Amino acid sequence: MMRQSEIPTDRERIEYQYLTRSGVERVFFMEVAVMEWLATAADVAKDVMGIVAFLALVLKPVREFLFGTKALKKAEQCMLRSDMLRTYYRHREEDTIRQYEKENFLMEYAAYKALGGNSFIDDVKDEVRKWDVIT
């Protein structure tokens, strides 16, 4: 462990004193106890995460059914799509759009996609982005 000619570090001194006082068996017992505790903690964490994942999968459809959020989400998508199309058809002849209308259109598009809207409006958005902006 230590040679007479070498000066031991603090860590080596502590380890040497600990091993000579309490014996190797006690160190081994403590390591085994810590490993068992870590294994138990990992099992508990795995079980808790499984329960949380299950509840998340089960509770979302139940919440949507009880509170009618699915219908509200579809209604909001429809209103956003309608407003975006109204803006598009109002300005498609001139290929120009006012700054605030373009900003509103792009914000509505982001909200529409966040609500799970389909790709129907993507082509319309691409065309609106190419239009000249009137200030």
C-alpha atoms as a PDB file:
ATOM      1  CA  MET A   1       0.000   0.000   0.000  1.00  0.00           C
ATOM      2  CA  MET A   2       2.466   2.700   1.145  1.00  0.00           C
ATOM      3  CA  ARG A   3       6.213   2.625   0.864  1.00  0.00           C
ATOM      4  CA  GLN A   4       8.421   4.183   3.507  1.00  0.00           C
ATOM      5  CA  SER A   5      10.072   6.529   1.008  1.00  0.00           C
ATOM      6  CA  GLU A   6       6.790   7.948  -0.368  1.00  0.00           C
ATOM      7  CA  ILE A   7       4.760  10.622   1.363  1.00  0.00           C
ATOM      8  CA  PRO A   8       1.112   9.480   1.436  1.00  0.00           C
ATOM      9  CA  THR A   9      -1.693  11.754   0.294  1.00  0.00           C
ATOM     10  CA  ASP A  10      -4.519  12.674   2.642  1.00  0.00           C
ATOM     11  CA  ARG A  11      -6.841  10.283   0.857  1.00  0.00           C
ATOM     12  CA  GLU A  12      -4.381   7.402   1.198  1.00  0.00           C
ATOM     13  CA  ARG A  13      -3.951   8.142   4.909  1.00  0.00           C
ATOM     14  CA  ILE A  14      -7.688   8.162   5.491  1.00  0.00           C
ATOM     15  CA  GLU A  15      -8.173   4.920   3.552  1.00  0.00           C
ATOM     16  CA  TYR A  16      -5.317   3.236   5.404  1.00  0.00           C
ATOM     17  CA  GLN A  17      -6.595   4.338   8.817  1.00  0.00           C
ATOM     18  CA  TYR A  18     -10.140   3.298   7.955  1.00  0.00           C
ATOM     19  CA  LEU A  19      -9.090  -0.137   6.733  1.00  0.00           C
ATOM     20  CA  THR A  20      -6.836  -0.810   9.718  1.00  0.00           C
ATOM     21  CA  ARG A  21      -9.454   0.280  12.255  1.00  0.00           C
ATOM     22  CA  SER A  22     -12.625  -1.259  10.933  1.00  0.00           C
ATOM     23  CA  GLY A  23     -11.380  -4.044   8.737  1.00  0.00           C
ATOM     24  CA  VAL A  24     -12.054  -4.958   5.140  1.00  0.00           C
ATOM     25  CA  GLU A  25     -15.298  -6.762   6.032  1.00  0.00           C
ATOM     26  CA  ARG A  26     -16.983  -3.584   7.224  1.00  0.00           C
ATOM     27  CA  VAL A  27     -16.047  -1.700   4.034  1.00  0.00           C
ATOM     28  CA  PHE A  28     -17.394  -4.543   1.929  1.00  0.00           C
ATOM     29  CA  PHE A  29     -20.622  -4.644   3.980  1.00  0.00           C
ATOM     30  CA  MET A  30     -21.137  -0.903   3.504  1.00  0.00           C
ATOM     31  CA  GLU A  31     -20.564  -1.136  -0.255  1.00  0.00           C
ATOM     32  CA  VAL A  32     -23.092  -3.974  -0.519  1.00  0.00           C
ATOM     33  CA  ALA A  33     -25.634  -2.005   1.541  1.00  0.00           C
ATOM     34  CA  VAL A  34     -25.240   1.065  -0.665  1.00  0.00           C
ATOM     35  CA  MET A  35     -25.604  -1.002  -3.846  1.00  0.00           C
ATOM     36  CA  GLU A  36     -28.759  -2.675  -2.522  1.00  0.00           C
ATOM     37  CA  TRP A  37     -30.198   0.710  -1.587  1.00  0.00           C
ATOM     38  CA  LEU A  38     -29.441   2.087  -5.075  1.00  0.00           C
ATOM     39  CA  ALA A  39     -31.048  -0.952  -6.710  1.00  0.00           C
ATOM     40  CA  THR A  40     -34.180  -0.498  -4.580  1.00  0.00           C
ATOM     41  CA  ALA A  41     -34.319   3.222  -5.386  1.00  0.00           C
ATOM     42  CA  ALA A  42     -33.999   2.460  -9.115  1.00  0.00           C
ATOM     43  CA  ASP A  43     -36.831  -0.072  -8.928  1.00  0.00           C
ATOM     44  CA  VAL A  44     -39.085   2.392  -7.131  1.00  0.00           C
ATOM     45  CA  ALA A  45     -38.294   5.147  -9.653  1.00  0.00           C
ATOM     46  CA  LYS A  46     -39.042   2.770 -12.542  1.00  0.00           C
ATOM     47  CA  ASP A  47     -42.382   1.809 -11.022  1.00  0.00           C
ATOM     48  CA  VAL A  48     -43.357   5.420 -10.349  1.00  0.00           C
ATOM     49  CA  MET A  49     -42.519   6.444 -13.931  1.00  0.00           C
ATOM     50  CA  GLY A  50     -44.570   3.548 -15.257  1.00  0.00           C
ATOM     51  CA  ILE A  51     -47.570   4.630 -13.215  1.00  0.00           C
ATOM     52  CA  VAL A  52     -47.192   8.270 -14.314  1.00  0.00           C
ATOM     53  CA  ALA A  53     -46.961   7.260 -17.983  1.00  0.00           C
ATOM     54  CA  PHE A  54     -50.042   5.053 -17.660  1.00  0.00           C
ATOM     55  CA  LEU A  55     -52.028   7.827 -15.989  1.00  0.00           C
ATOM     56  CA  ALA A  56     -51.007  10.316 -18.676  1.00  0.00           C
ATOM     57  CA  LEU A  57     -52.240   7.962 -21.403  1.00  0.00           C
ATOM     58  CA  VAL A  58     -55.515   7.203 -19.638  1.00  0.00           C
ATOM     59  CA  LEU A  59     -56.361  10.638 -18.256  1.00  0.00           C
ATOM     60  CA  LYS A  60     -56.021  12.653 -21.471  1.00  0.00           C
ATOM     61  CA  PRO A  61     -58.911  10.973 -23.332  1.00  0.00           C
ATOM     62  CA  VAL A  62     -61.048  10.989 -20.180  1.00  0.00           C
ATOM     63  CA  ARG A  63     -60.377  14.699 -19.637  1.00  0.00           C
ATOM     64  CA  GLU A  64     -61.204  15.466 -23.273  1.00  0.00           C
ATOM     65  CA  PHE A  65     -64.463  13.530 -22.984  1.00  0.00           C
ATOM     66  CA  LEU A  66     -65.553  15.077 -19.674  1.00  0.00           C
ATOM     67  CA  PHE A  67     -64.705  18.686 -20.462  1.00  0.00           C
ATOM     68  CA  GLY A  68     -65.353  18.676 -24.205  1.00  0.00           C
ATOM     69  CA  THR A  69     -61.909  19.996 -25.033  1.00  0.00           C
ATOM     70  CA  LYS A  70     -61.718  17.945 -28.226  1.00  0.00           C
ATOM     71  CA  ALA A  71     -64.742  19.718 -29.673  1.00  0.00           C
ATOM     72  CA  LEU A  72     -63.388  23.124 -28.619  1.00  0.00           C
ATOM     73  CA  LYS A  73     -60.051  22.327 -30.236  1.00  0.00           C
ATOM     74  CA  LYS A  74     -61.737  21.393 -33.536  1.00  0.00           C
ATOM     75  CA  ALA A  75     -63.906  24.536 -33.403  1.00  0.00           C
ATOM     76  CA  GLU A  76     -60.877  26.756 -32.855  1.00  0.00           C
ATOM     77  CA  GLN A  77     -59.037  25.071 -35.737  1.00  0.00           C
ATOM     78  CA  CYS A  78     -62.027  25.730 -37.991  1.00  0.00           C
ATOM     79  CA  MET A  79     -62.210  29.399 -36.993  1.00  0.00           C
ATOM     80  CA  LEU A  80     -58.488  29.913 -37.557  1.00  0.00           C
ATOM     81  CA  ARG A  81     -58.600  28.197 -40.941  1.00  0.00           C
ATOM     82  CA  SER A  82     -61.632  30.266 -41.957  1.00  0.00           C
ATOM     83  CA  ASP A  83     -59.992  33.554 -40.978  1.00  0.00           C
ATOM     84  CA  MET A  84     -56.755  32.658 -42.788  1.00  0.00           C
ATOM     85  CA  LEU A  85     -58.663  31.753 -45.950  1.00  0.00           C
ATOM     86  CA  ARG A  86     -60.703  34.967 -45.754  1.00  0.00           C
ATOM     87  CA  THR A  87     -57.445  36.972 -45.619  1.00  0.00           C
ATOM     88  CA  TYR A  88     -55.990  34.932 -48.471  1.00  0.00           C
ATOM     89  CA  TYR A  89     -58.981  35.322 -50.811  1.00  0.00           C
ATOM     90  CA  ARG A  90     -59.294  39.057 -50.031  1.00  0.00           C
ATOM     91  CA  HIS A  91     -55.704  39.770 -51.163  1.00  0.00           C
ATOM     92  CA  ARG A  92     -54.825  37.078 -53.697  1.00  0.00           C
ATOM     93  CA  GLU A  93     -55.661  39.236 -56.750  1.00  0.00           C
ATOM     94  CA  GLU A  94     -53.138  41.956 -55.843  1.00  0.00           C
ATOM     95  CA  ASP A  95     -50.492  39.701 -54.260  1.00  0.00           C
ATOM     96  CA  THR A  96     -50.053  42.351 -51.574  1.00  0.00           C
ATOM     97  CA  ILE A  97     -50.964  42.377 -47.914  1.00  0.00           C
ATOM     98  CA  ARG A  98     -50.762  44.869 -45.065  1.00  0.00           C
ATOM     99  CA  GLN A  99     -48.081  44.318 -42.449  1.00  0.00           C
ATOM    100  CA  TYR A 100     -50.459  43.690 -39.528  1.00  0.00           C
ATOM    101  CA  GLU A 101     -52.587  41.325 -41.619  1.00  0.00           C
ATOM    102  CA  LYS A 102     -49.535  39.283 -42.557  1.00  0.00           C
ATOM    103  CA  GLU A 103     -48.425  39.141 -38.916  1.00  0.00           C
ATOM    104  CA  ASN A 104     -51.914  38.050 -37.848  1.00  0.00           C
ATOM    105  CA  PHE A 105     -52.001  35.456 -40.617  1.00  0.00           C
ATOM    106  CA  LEU A 106     -48.662  33.955 -39.520  1.00  0.00           C
ATOM    107  CA  MET A 107     -49.696  33.933 -35.845  1.00  0.00           C
ATOM    108  CA  GLU A 108     -52.967  32.226 -36.758  1.00  0.00           C
ATOM    109  CA  TYR A 109     -51.028  29.699 -38.815  1.00  0.00           C
ATOM    110  CA  ALA A 110     -48.737  28.912 -35.864  1.00  0.00           C
ATOM    111  CA  ALA A 111     -51.746  28.459 -33.570  1.00  0.00           C
ATOM    112  CA  TYR A 112     -53.499  26.295 -36.183  1.00  0.00           C
ATOM    113  CA  LYS A 113     -50.478  23.988 -36.443  1.00  0.00           C
ATOM    114  CA  ALA A 114     -50.055  23.891 -32.637  1.00  0.00           C
ATOM    115  CA  LEU A 115     -53.651  22.672 -32.371  1.00  0.00           C
ATOM    116  CA  GLY A 116     -52.806  19.819 -34.720  1.00  0.00           C
ATOM    117  CA  GLY A 117     -54.087  21.387 -37.936  1.00  0.00           C
ATOM    118  CA  ASN A 118     -53.479  19.500 -41.159  1.00  0.00           C
ATOM    119  CA  SER A 119     -51.289  20.542 -44.082  1.00  0.00           C
ATOM    120  CA  PHE A 120     -54.191  22.029 -46.079  1.00  0.00           C
ATOM    121  CA  ILE A 121     -53.183  25.579 -45.210  1.00  0.00           C
ATOM    122  CA  ASP A 122     -49.422  25.111 -45.793  1.00  0.00           C
ATOM    123  CA  ASP A 123     -49.594  26.013 -49.491  1.00  0.00           C
ATOM    124  CA  VAL A 124     -51.678  29.083 -48.704  1.00  0.00           C
ATOM    125  CA  LYS A 125     -49.125  30.207 -46.091  1.00  0.00           C
ATOM    126  CA  ASP A 126     -46.252  29.722 -48.547  1.00  0.00           C
ATOM    127  CA  GLU A 127     -48.015  31.913 -51.093  1.00  0.00           C
ATOM    128  CA  VAL A 128     -48.866  34.634 -48.549  1.00  0.00           C
ATOM    129  CA  ARG A 129     -45.218  34.780 -47.453  1.00  0.00           C
ATOM    130  CA  LYS A 130     -44.228  35.684 -51.038  1.00  0.00           C
ATOM    131  CA  TRP A 131     -46.630  38.644 -51.257  1.00  0.00           C
ATOM    132  CA  ASP A 132     -45.414  42.229 -51.067  1.00  0.00           C
ATOM    133  CA  VAL A 133     -46.084  43.982 -47.781  1.00  0.00           C
ATOM    134  CA  ILE A 134     -47.852  47.332 -47.751  1.00  0.00           C
ATOM    135  CA  THR A 135     -47.096  49.572 -44.798  1.00  0.00           C
END
